[in-house]
All heavy atoms as atom14 arrays in JSON, in Angstrom:
{
  "sequence": "FTDANLTMADILPWSTLDPQKDALLLMVISIAFGLVHILVGMGCKF",
  "atom14_mask": [
    [1, 1, 1, 1, 1, 1, 1, 1, 1, 1, 1, 0, 0, 0],
    [1, 1, 1, 1, 1, 1, 1, 0, 0, 0, 0, 0, 0, 0],
    [1, 1, 1, 1, 1, 1, 1, 1, 0, 0, 0, 0, 0, 0],
    [1, 1, 1, 1, 1, 0, 0, 0, 0, 0, 0, 0, 0, 0],
    [1, 1, 1, 1, 1, 1, 1, 1, 0, 0, 0, 0, 0, 0],
    [1, 1, 1, 1, 1, 1, 1, 1, 0, 0, 0, 0, 0, 0],
    [1, 1, 1, 1, 1, 1, 1, 0, 0, 0, 0, 0, 0, 0],
    [1, 1, 1, 1, 1, 1, 1, 1, 0, 0, 0, 0, 0, 0],
    [1, 1, 1, 1, 1, 0, 0, 0, 0, 0, 0, 0, 0, 0],
    [1, 1, 1, 1, 1, 1, 1, 1, 0, 0, 0, 0, 0, 0],
    [1, 1, 1, 1, 1, 1, 1, 1, 0, 0, 0, 0, 0, 0],
    [1, 1, 1, 1, 1, 1, 1, 1, 0, 0, 0, 0, 0, 0],
    [1, 1, 1, 1, 1, 1, 1, 0, 0, 0, 0, 0, 0, 0],
    [1, 1, 1, 1, 1, 1, 1, 1, 1, 1, 1, 1, 1, 1],
    [1, 1, 1, 1, 1, 1, 0, 0, 0, 0, 0, 0, 0, 0],
    [1, 1, 1, 1, 1, 1, 1, 0, 0, 0, 0, 0, 0, 0],
    [1, 1, 1, 1, 1, 1, 1, 1, 0, 0, 0, 0, 0, 0],
    [1, 1, 1, 1, 1, 1, 1, 1, 0, 0, 0, 0, 0, 0],
    [1, 1, 1, 1, 1, 1, 1, 0, 0, 0, 0, 0, 0, 0],
    [1, 1, 1, 1, 1, 1, 1, 1, 1, 0, 0, 0, 0, 0],
    [1, 1, 1, 1, 1, 1, 1, 1, 1, 0, 0, 0, 0, 0],
    [1, 1, 1, 1, 1, 1, 1, 1, 0, 0, 0, 0, 0, 0],
    [1, 1, 1, 1, 1, 0, 0, 0, 0, 0, 0, 0, 0, 0],
    [1, 1, 1, 1, 1, 1, 1, 1, 0, 0, 0, 0, 0, 0],
    [1, 1, 1, 1, 1, 1, 1, 1, 0, 0, 0, 0, 0, 0],
    [1, 1, 1, 1, 1, 1, 1, 1, 0, 0, 0, 0, 0, 0],
    [1, 1, 1, 1, 1, 1, 1, 1, 0, 0, 0, 0, 0, 0],
    [1, 1, 1, 1, 1, 1, 1, 0, 0, 0, 0, 0, 0, 0],
    [1, 1, 1, 1, 1, 1, 1, 1, 0, 0, 0, 0, 0, 0],
    [1, 1, 1, 1, 1, 1, 0, 0, 0, 0, 0, 0, 0, 0],
    [1, 1, 1, 1, 1, 1, 1, 1, 0, 0, 0, 0, 0, 0],
    [1, 1, 1, 1, 1, 0, 0, 0, 0, 0, 0, 0, 0, 0],
    [1, 1, 1, 1, 1, 1, 1, 1, 1, 1, 1, 0, 0, 0],
    [1, 1, 1, 1, 0, 0, 0, 0, 0, 0, 0, 0, 0, 0],
    [1, 1, 1, 1, 1, 1, 1, 1, 0, 0, 0, 0, 0, 0],
    [1, 1, 1, 1, 1, 1, 1, 0, 0, 0, 0, 0, 0, 0],
    [1, 1, 1, 1, 1, 1, 1, 1, 1, 1, 0, 0, 0, 0],
    [1, 1, 1, 1, 1, 1, 1, 1, 0, 0, 0, 0, 0, 0],
    [1, 1, 1, 1, 1, 1, 1, 1, 0, 0, 0, 0, 0, 0],
    [1, 1, 1, 1, 1, 1, 1, 0, 0, 0, 0, 0, 0, 0],
    [1, 1, 1, 1, 0, 0, 0, 0, 0, 0, 0, 0, 0, 0],
    [1, 1, 1, 1, 1, 1, 1, 1, 0, 0, 0, 0, 0, 0],
    [1, 1, 1, 1, 0, 0, 0, 0, 0, 0, 0, 0, 0, 0],
    [1, 1, 1, 1, 1, 1, 0, 0, 0, 0, 0, 0, 0, 0],
    [1, 1, 1, 1, 1, 1, 1, 1, 1, 0, 0, 0, 0, 0],
    [1, 1, 1, 1, 1, 1, 1, 1, 1, 1, 1, 0, 0, 0]
  ],
  "atom14_positions": [
    [[1.15, 13.02, 26.03], [0.49, 13.96, 26.93], [-0.59, 13.31, 27.79], [-1.02, 13.91, 28.78], [-0.14, 15.11, 26.12], [0.88, 16.02, 25.51], [1.13, 16.0, 24.15], [1.6, 16.91, 26.3], [2.07, 16.85, 23.58], [2.54, 17.77, 25.74], [2.77, 17.74, 24.38], [0.0, 0.0, 0.0], [0.0, 0.0, 0.0], [0.0, 0.0, 0.0]],
    [[-1.06, 12.11, 27.44], [-2.16, 11.49, 28.2], [-1.77, 10.18, 28.85], [-2.6, 9.59, 29.56], [-3.36, 11.24, 27.26], [-2.98, 10.31, 26.23], [-3.84, 12.54, 26.62], [0.0, 0.0, 0.0], [0.0, 0.0, 0.0], [0.0, 0.0, 0.0], [0.0, 0.0, 0.0], [0.0, 0.0, 0.0], [0.0, 0.0, 0.0], [0.0, 0.0, 0.0]],
    [[-0.57, 9.68, 28.6], [-0.12, 8.39, 29.14], [-1.0, 7.23, 28.65], [-1.12, 6.2, 29.32], [-0.1, 8.4, 30.67], [0.98, 9.32, 31.21], [2.04, 9.44, 30.56], [0.75, 9.95, 32.27], [0.0, 0.0, 0.0], [0.0, 0.0, 0.0], [0.0, 0.0, 0.0], [0.0, 0.0, 0.0], [0.0, 0.0, 0.0], [0.0, 0.0, 0.0]],
    [[-1.62, 7.4, 27.49], [-2.42, 6.32, 26.9], [-1.5, 5.4, 26.1], [-0.28, 5.59, 26.04], [-3.51, 6.9, 26.01], [0.0, 0.0, 0.0], [0.0, 0.0, 0.0], [0.0, 0.0, 0.0], [0.0, 0.0, 0.0], [0.0, 0.0, 0.0], [0.0, 0.0, 0.0], [0.0, 0.0, 0.0], [0.0, 0.0, 0.0], [0.0, 0.0, 0.0]],
    [[-2.08, 4.41, 25.47], [-1.3, 3.45, 24.68], [-2.03, 3.15, 23.38], [-2.34, 2.0, 23.06], [-1.07, 2.17, 25.48], [-0.05, 1.25, 24.81], [0.79, 1.71, 24.01], [-0.12, -0.02, 25.11], [0.0, 0.0, 0.0], [0.0, 0.0, 0.0], [0.0, 0.0, 0.0], [0.0, 0.0, 0.0], [0.0, 0.0, 0.0], [0.0, 0.0, 0.0]],
    [[-2.33, 4.22, 22.65], [-3.07, 4.07, 21.4], [-2.12, 3.91, 20.22], [-0.96, 4.33, 20.27], [-3.97, 5.29, 21.17], [-5.09, 5.52, 22.19], [-5.86, 6.78, 21.82], [-6.03, 4.32, 22.29], [0.0, 0.0, 0.0], [0.0, 0.0, 0.0], [0.0, 0.0, 0.0], [0.0, 0.0, 0.0], [0.0, 0.0, 0.0], [0.0, 0.0, 0.0]],
    [[-2.63, 3.32, 19.14], [-1.9, 3.22, 17.88], [-2.65, 4.02, 16.83], [-3.77, 4.49, 17.06], [-1.78, 1.76, 17.43], [-3.1, 1.22, 17.2], [-1.07, 0.91, 18.49], [0.0, 0.0, 0.0], [0.0, 0.0, 0.0], [0.0, 0.0, 0.0], [0.0, 0.0, 0.0], [0.0, 0.0, 0.0], [0.0, 0.0, 0.0], [0.0, 0.0, 0.0]],
    [[-2.03, 4.15, 15.67], [-2.69, 4.88, 14.58], [-3.97, 4.18, 14.14], [-4.94, 4.83, 13.74], [-1.73, 5.03, 13.4], [-0.56, 5.95, 13.65], [-1.04, 7.65, 13.98], [-1.74, 8.12, 12.39], [0.0, 0.0, 0.0], [0.0, 0.0, 0.0], [0.0, 0.0, 0.0], [0.0, 0.0, 0.0], [0.0, 0.0, 0.0], [0.0, 0.0, 0.0]],
    [[-3.99, 2.87, 14.22], [-5.2, 2.13, 13.84], [-6.36, 2.46, 14.79], [-7.53, 2.41, 14.38], [-4.93, 0.63, 13.85], [0.0, 0.0, 0.0], [0.0, 0.0, 0.0], [0.0, 0.0, 0.0], [0.0, 0.0, 0.0], [0.0, 0.0, 0.0], [0.0, 0.0, 0.0], [0.0, 0.0, 0.0], [0.0, 0.0, 0.0], [0.0, 0.0, 0.0]],
    [[-6.04, 2.79, 16.05], [-7.09, 3.15, 17.01], [-7.61, 4.56, 16.77], [-8.76, 4.87, 17.09], [-6.56, 3.04, 18.44], [-6.12, 1.63, 18.78], [-6.77, 0.68, 18.31], [-5.1, 1.48, 19.51], [0.0, 0.0, 0.0], [0.0, 0.0, 0.0], [0.0, 0.0, 0.0], [0.0, 0.0, 0.0], [0.0, 0.0, 0.0], [0.0, 0.0, 0.0]],
    [[-6.77, 5.42, 16.22], [-7.15, 6.83, 16.03], [-7.9, 7.05, 14.73], [-8.91, 7.75, 14.69], [-5.89, 7.72, 16.09], [-5.25, 7.66, 17.48], [-6.22, 9.15, 15.71], [-3.95, 8.43, 17.59], [0.0, 0.0, 0.0], [0.0, 0.0, 0.0], [0.0, 0.0, 0.0], [0.0, 0.0, 0.0], [0.0, 0.0, 0.0], [0.0, 0.0, 0.0]],
    [[-7.41, 6.44, 13.65], [-8.0, 6.68, 12.33], [-9.31, 5.92, 12.19], [-9.42, 4.76, 12.6], [-7.02, 6.26, 11.23], [-5.69, 7.04, 11.21], [-4.77, 6.47, 10.14], [-5.95, 8.52, 10.96], [0.0, 0.0, 0.0], [0.0, 0.0, 0.0], [0.0, 0.0, 0.0], [0.0, 0.0, 0.0], [0.0, 0.0, 0.0], [0.0, 0.0, 0.0]],
    [[-10.32, 6.55, 11.58], [-11.63, 5.9, 11.45], [-11.75, 4.95, 10.26], [-12.83, 4.43, 10.0], [-12.59, 7.09, 11.29], [-11.76, 8.14, 10.63], [-10.35, 7.97, 11.15], [0.0, 0.0, 0.0], [0.0, 0.0, 0.0], [0.0, 0.0, 0.0], [0.0, 0.0, 0.0], [0.0, 0.0, 0.0], [0.0, 0.0, 0.0], [0.0, 0.0, 0.0]],
    [[-10.67, 4.75, 9.49], [-10.73, 3.87, 8.34], [-9.68, 2.76, 8.48], [-8.72, 2.88, 9.24], [-10.51, 4.64, 7.04], [-9.2, 5.38, 6.97], [-7.98, 4.88, 6.63], [-8.97, 6.75, 7.3], [-7.01, 5.84, 6.7], [-7.59, 7.0, 7.11], [-9.81, 7.79, 7.72], [-7.02, 8.25, 7.33], [-9.23, 9.03, 7.95], [-7.87, 9.25, 7.74]],
    [[-9.89, 1.69, 7.72], [-8.93, 0.59, 7.73], [-7.66, 1.0, 7.02], [-7.7, 1.71, 6.01], [-9.53, -0.65, 7.06], [-10.7, -1.07, 7.74], [0.0, 0.0, 0.0], [0.0, 0.0, 0.0], [0.0, 0.0, 0.0], [0.0, 0.0, 0.0], [0.0, 0.0, 0.0], [0.0, 0.0, 0.0], [0.0, 0.0, 0.0], [0.0, 0.0, 0.0]],
    [[-6.53, 0.58, 7.54], [-5.24, 0.96, 6.97], [-4.45, -0.27, 6.54], [-4.74, -1.39, 6.96], [-4.41, 1.77, 7.99], [-4.21, 0.96, 9.17], [-5.13, 3.05, 8.37], [0.0, 0.0, 0.0], [0.0, 0.0, 0.0], [0.0, 0.0, 0.0], [0.0, 0.0, 0.0], [0.0, 0.0, 0.0], [0.0, 0.0, 0.0], [0.0, 0.0, 0.0]],
    [[-3.46, -0.02, 5.7], [-2.54, -1.06, 5.24], [-1.18, -0.78, 5.86], [-0.54, 0.21, 5.53], [-2.46, -1.05, 3.71], [-1.47, -2.01, 3.06], [-1.89, -3.45, 3.31], [-1.38, -1.75, 1.56], [0.0, 0.0, 0.0], [0.0, 0.0, 0.0], [0.0, 0.0, 0.0], [0.0, 0.0, 0.0], [0.0, 0.0, 0.0], [0.0, 0.0, 0.0]],
    [[-0.76, -1.63, 6.78], [0.5, -1.43, 7.49], [1.64, -2.03, 6.67], [1.71, -3.25, 6.49], [0.44, -2.1, 8.86], [1.63, -1.71, 9.74], [2.63, -1.22, 9.19], [1.54, -1.9, 10.96], [0.0, 0.0, 0.0], [0.0, 0.0, 0.0], [0.0, 0.0, 0.0], [0.0, 0.0, 0.0], [0.0, 0.0, 0.0], [0.0, 0.0, 0.0]],
    [[2.56, -1.2, 6.13], [3.66, -1.75, 5.31], [4.54, -2.73, 6.07], [5.15, -3.61, 5.46], [4.44, -0.49, 4.9], [3.48, 0.64, 5.05], [2.61, 0.25, 6.2], [0.0, 0.0, 0.0], [0.0, 0.0, 0.0], [0.0, 0.0, 0.0], [0.0, 0.0, 0.0], [0.0, 0.0, 0.0], [0.0, 0.0, 0.0], [0.0, 0.0, 0.0]],
    [[4.64, -2.59, 7.39], [5.5, -3.49, 8.16], [4.85, -4.85, 8.36], [5.53, -5.87, 8.31], [5.82, -2.86, 9.51], [6.56, -1.53, 9.4], [6.86, -0.94, 10.76], [7.42, -1.59, 11.63], [6.52, 0.33, 10.95], [0.0, 0.0, 0.0], [0.0, 0.0, 0.0], [0.0, 0.0, 0.0], [0.0, 0.0, 0.0], [0.0, 0.0, 0.0]],
    [[3.55, -4.88, 8.55], [2.86, -6.14, 8.78], [2.37, -6.77, 7.47], [2.25, -7.99, 7.38], [1.67, -5.92, 9.72], [2.07, -5.45, 11.11], [0.84, -5.23, 11.98], [1.24, -4.74, 13.38], [0.05, -4.48, 14.23], [0.0, 0.0, 0.0], [0.0, 0.0, 0.0], [0.0, 0.0, 0.0], [0.0, 0.0, 0.0], [0.0, 0.0, 0.0]],
    [[2.05, -5.94, 6.49], [1.5, -6.42, 5.22], [2.49, -6.18, 4.08], [2.1, -5.72, 3.0], [0.16, -5.73, 4.92], [-0.84, -5.91, 6.04], [-0.95, -7.03, 6.55], [-1.49, -4.91, 6.43], [0.0, 0.0, 0.0], [0.0, 0.0, 0.0], [0.0, 0.0, 0.0], [0.0, 0.0, 0.0], [0.0, 0.0, 0.0], [0.0, 0.0, 0.0]],
    [[3.76, -6.46, 4.34], [4.8, -6.17, 3.34], [4.59, -6.98, 2.07], [4.78, -6.47, 0.96], [6.18, -6.45, 3.92], [0.0, 0.0, 0.0], [0.0, 0.0, 0.0], [0.0, 0.0, 0.0], [0.0, 0.0, 0.0], [0.0, 0.0, 0.0], [0.0, 0.0, 0.0], [0.0, 0.0, 0.0], [0.0, 0.0, 0.0], [0.0, 0.0, 0.0]],
    [[4.19, -8.25, 2.2], [3.99, -9.08, 1.01], [2.85, -8.55, 0.16], [2.97, -8.49, -1.08], [3.71, -10.53, 1.43], [3.51, -11.53, 0.3], [4.74, -11.6, -0.6], [3.18, -12.92, 0.85], [0.0, 0.0, 0.0], [0.0, 0.0, 0.0], [0.0, 0.0, 0.0], [0.0, 0.0, 0.0], [0.0, 0.0, 0.0], [0.0, 0.0, 0.0]],
    [[1.75, -8.16, 0.79], [0.63, -7.6, 0.04], [1.04, -6.31, -0.65], [0.68, -6.07, -1.82], [-0.54, -7.35, 0.99], [-1.77, -6.66, 0.38], [-2.35, -7.5, -0.76], [-2.83, -6.4, 1.45], [0.0, 0.0, 0.0], [0.0, 0.0, 0.0], [0.0, 0.0, 0.0], [0.0, 0.0, 0.0], [0.0, 0.0, 0.0], [0.0, 0.0, 0.0]],
    [[1.83, -5.48, 0.02], [2.26, -4.23, -0.59], [3.2, -4.48, -1.76], [3.16, -3.75, -2.76], [2.96, -3.36, 0.47], [3.39, -1.97, 0.02], [2.21, -1.17, -0.52], [4.03, -1.21, 1.18], [0.0, 0.0, 0.0], [0.0, 0.0, 0.0], [0.0, 0.0, 0.0], [0.0, 0.0, 0.0], [0.0, 0.0, 0.0], [0.0, 0.0, 0.0]],
    [[4.02, -5.53, -1.68], [4.9, -5.86, -2.8], [4.08, -6.31, -4.0], [4.37, -5.94, -5.15], [5.88, -6.95, -2.4], [6.9, -7.26, -3.5], [8.11, -8.51, -3.05], [7.08, -9.97, -3.08], [0.0, 0.0, 0.0], [0.0, 0.0, 0.0], [0.0, 0.0, 0.0], [0.0, 0.0, 0.0], [0.0, 0.0, 0.0], [0.0, 0.0, 0.0]],
    [[3.02, -7.08, -3.75], [2.14, -7.51, -4.84], [1.48, -6.3, -5.49], [1.38, -6.21, -6.73], [1.08, -8.5, -4.32], [0.04, -8.79, -5.39], [1.74, -9.8, -3.86], [0.0, 0.0, 0.0], [0.0, 0.0, 0.0], [0.0, 0.0, 0.0], [0.0, 0.0, 0.0], [0.0, 0.0, 0.0], [0.0, 0.0, 0.0], [0.0, 0.0, 0.0]],
    [[1.03, -5.35, -4.67], [0.41, -4.13, -5.21], [1.41, -3.34, -6.04], [1.09, -2.83, -7.12], [-0.16, -3.28, -4.06], [-1.32, -4.01, -3.38], [-0.62, -1.92, -4.58], [-1.84, -3.3, -2.15], [0.0, 0.0, 0.0], [0.0, 0.0, 0.0], [0.0, 0.0, 0.0], [0.0, 0.0, 0.0], [0.0, 0.0, 0.0], [0.0, 0.0, 0.0]],
    [[2.65, -3.24, -5.55], [3.69, -2.5, -6.27], [3.96, -3.13, -7.63], [4.06, -2.44, -8.65], [4.98, -2.47, -5.44], [4.77, -1.85, -4.19], [0.0, 0.0, 0.0], [0.0, 0.0, 0.0], [0.0, 0.0, 0.0], [0.0, 0.0, 0.0], [0.0, 0.0, 0.0], [0.0, 0.0, 0.0], [0.0, 0.0, 0.0], [0.0, 0.0, 0.0]],
    [[4.08, -4.46, -7.66], [4.35, -5.14, -8.93], [3.15, -5.04, -9.86], [3.3, -4.95, -11.09], [4.73, -6.6, -8.66], [6.08, -6.66, -7.93], [4.81, -7.41, -9.95], [6.52, -8.04, -7.53], [0.0, 0.0, 0.0], [0.0, 0.0, 0.0], [0.0, 0.0, 0.0], [0.0, 0.0, 0.0], [0.0, 0.0, 0.0], [0.0, 0.0, 0.0]],
    [[1.93, -5.03, -9.29], [0.74, -4.87, -10.12], [0.74, -3.49, -10.8], [0.42, -3.37, -11.99], [-0.52, -5.05, -9.27], [0.0, 0.0, 0.0], [0.0, 0.0, 0.0], [0.0, 0.0, 0.0], [0.0, 0.0, 0.0], [0.0, 0.0, 0.0], [0.0, 0.0, 0.0], [0.0, 0.0, 0.0], [0.0, 0.0, 0.0], [0.0, 0.0, 0.0]],
    [[1.1, -2.45, -10.05], [1.23, -1.12, -10.65], [2.31, -1.14, -11.74], [2.17, -0.5, -12.79], [1.57, -0.08, -9.6], [0.38, 0.46, -8.85], [0.24, 0.26, -7.5], [-0.61, 1.16, -9.52], [-0.86, 0.74, -6.82], [-1.72, 1.66, -8.86], [-1.84, 1.45, -7.49], [0.0, 0.0, 0.0], [0.0, 0.0, 0.0], [0.0, 0.0, 0.0]],
    [[3.4, -1.86, -11.46], [4.46, -1.96, -12.46], [4.0, -2.63, -13.73], [4.36, -2.22, -14.84], [0.0, 0.0, 0.0], [0.0, 0.0, 0.0], [0.0, 0.0, 0.0], [0.0, 0.0, 0.0], [0.0, 0.0, 0.0], [0.0, 0.0, 0.0], [0.0, 0.0, 0.0], [0.0, 0.0, 0.0], [0.0, 0.0, 0.0], [0.0, 0.0, 0.0]],
    [[3.18, -3.68, -13.59], [2.65, -4.37, -14.76], [1.8, -3.42, -15.61], [1.93, -3.38, -16.85], [1.82, -5.58, -14.33], [1.13, -6.36, -15.44], [2.14, -6.97, -16.4], [0.23, -7.46, -14.86], [0.0, 0.0, 0.0], [0.0, 0.0, 0.0], [0.0, 0.0, 0.0], [0.0, 0.0, 0.0], [0.0, 0.0, 0.0], [0.0, 0.0, 0.0]],
    [[0.95, -2.65, -14.96], [0.12, -1.69, -15.7], [1.0, -0.65, -16.39], [0.78, -0.29, -17.56], [-0.87, -1.0, -14.73], [-1.63, 0.11, -15.45], [-1.85, -2.02, -14.17], [0.0, 0.0, 0.0], [0.0, 0.0, 0.0], [0.0, 0.0, 0.0], [0.0, 0.0, 0.0], [0.0, 0.0, 0.0], [0.0, 0.0, 0.0], [0.0, 0.0, 0.0]],
    [[2.03, -0.19, -15.69], [2.93, 0.84, -16.25], [3.66, 0.31, -17.48], [3.76, 0.99, -18.51], [3.93, 1.25, -15.17], [4.62, 2.54, -15.45], [5.94, 2.77, -15.12], [4.18, 3.69, -16.04], [6.27, 3.99, -15.48], [5.23, 4.57, -16.03], [0.0, 0.0, 0.0], [0.0, 0.0, 0.0], [0.0, 0.0, 0.0], [0.0, 0.0, 0.0]],
    [[4.16, -0.92, -17.38], [4.88, -1.51, -18.51], [3.93, -1.78, -19.68], [4.28, -1.56, -20.84], [5.57, -2.81, -18.06], [6.75, -2.48, -17.15], [6.06, -3.62, -19.27], [7.43, -3.68, -16.56], [0.0, 0.0, 0.0], [0.0, 0.0, 0.0], [0.0, 0.0, 0.0], [0.0, 0.0, 0.0], [0.0, 0.0, 0.0], [0.0, 0.0, 0.0]],
    [[2.71, -2.23, -19.38], [1.74, -2.46, -20.46], [1.36, -1.17, -21.17], [1.11, -1.17, -22.38], [0.49, -3.14, -19.89], [0.64, -4.62, -19.5], [-0.64, -5.14, -18.87], [1.01, -5.47, -20.71], [0.0, 0.0, 0.0], [0.0, 0.0, 0.0], [0.0, 0.0, 0.0], [0.0, 0.0, 0.0], [0.0, 0.0, 0.0], [0.0, 0.0, 0.0]],
    [[1.34, -0.07, -20.43], [1.09, 1.24, -21.08], [2.21, 1.56, -22.05], [1.97, 2.01, -23.19], [0.93, 2.34, -20.02], [0.93, 3.72, -20.67], [-0.35, 2.15, -19.23], [0.0, 0.0, 0.0], [0.0, 0.0, 0.0], [0.0, 0.0, 0.0], [0.0, 0.0, 0.0], [0.0, 0.0, 0.0], [0.0, 0.0, 0.0], [0.0, 0.0, 0.0]],
    [[3.46, 1.33, -21.64], [4.59, 1.57, -22.53], [4.54, 0.68, -23.76], [4.81, 1.12, -24.89], [0.0, 0.0, 0.0], [0.0, 0.0, 0.0], [0.0, 0.0, 0.0], [0.0, 0.0, 0.0], [0.0, 0.0, 0.0], [0.0, 0.0, 0.0], [0.0, 0.0, 0.0], [0.0, 0.0, 0.0], [0.0, 0.0, 0.0], [0.0, 0.0, 0.0]],
    [[4.19, -0.6, -23.56], [4.09, -1.51, -24.69], [2.91, -1.14, -25.58], [2.95, -1.33, -26.81], [3.95, -2.94, -24.18], [5.17, -3.41, -23.39], [4.98, -5.07, -22.71], [5.12, -6.04, -24.22], [0.0, 0.0, 0.0], [0.0, 0.0, 0.0], [0.0, 0.0, 0.0], [0.0, 0.0, 0.0], [0.0, 0.0, 0.0], [0.0, 0.0, 0.0]],
    [[1.85, -0.61, -24.97], [0.72, -0.13, -25.77], [1.12, 1.03, -26.66], [0.66, 1.15, -27.81], [0.0, 0.0, 0.0], [0.0, 0.0, 0.0], [0.0, 0.0, 0.0], [0.0, 0.0, 0.0], [0.0, 0.0, 0.0], [0.0, 0.0, 0.0], [0.0, 0.0, 0.0], [0.0, 0.0, 0.0], [0.0, 0.0, 0.0], [0.0, 0.0, 0.0]],
    [[2.01, 1.9, -26.15], [2.54, 2.99, -26.98], [3.32, 2.43, -28.17], [3.2, 2.92, -29.3], [3.42, 3.9, -26.15], [2.57, 4.82, -24.86], [0.0, 0.0, 0.0], [0.0, 0.0, 0.0], [0.0, 0.0, 0.0], [0.0, 0.0, 0.0], [0.0, 0.0, 0.0], [0.0, 0.0, 0.0], [0.0, 0.0, 0.0], [0.0, 0.0, 0.0]],
    [[4.13, 1.39, -27.91], [4.88, 0.76, -29.0], [3.92, 0.12, -30.01], [4.14, 0.21, -31.23], [5.81, -0.31, -28.42], [6.61, -1.07, -29.46], [7.6, -0.17, -30.18], [8.49, -0.95, -31.12], [9.43, -0.08, -31.86], [0.0, 0.0, 0.0], [0.0, 0.0, 0.0], [0.0, 0.0, 0.0], [0.0, 0.0, 0.0], [0.0, 0.0, 0.0]],
    [[2.88, -0.52, -29.54], [1.88, -1.12, -30.41], [1.26, -0.06, -31.32], [1.11, -0.25, -32.53], [0.81, -1.79, -29.56], [-0.19, -2.6, -30.33], [0.06, -3.93, -30.63], [-1.38, -2.04, -30.76], [-0.86, -4.69, -31.34], [-2.31, -2.79, -31.46], [-2.04, -4.12, -31.76], [0.0, 0.0, 0.0], [0.0, 0.0, 0.0], [0.0, 0.0, 0.0]]
  ]
}
């Protein structure tokens, strides 16, 4: 409606994590959550 060229990073007032640009970091975060999840299951077994 305004013929501007803004991105979501320009609109939002906080820093964001772009899955397309930071895919490796997001994969590390996903596996870290998985490690915690598996350790919880192993803690139940313990």
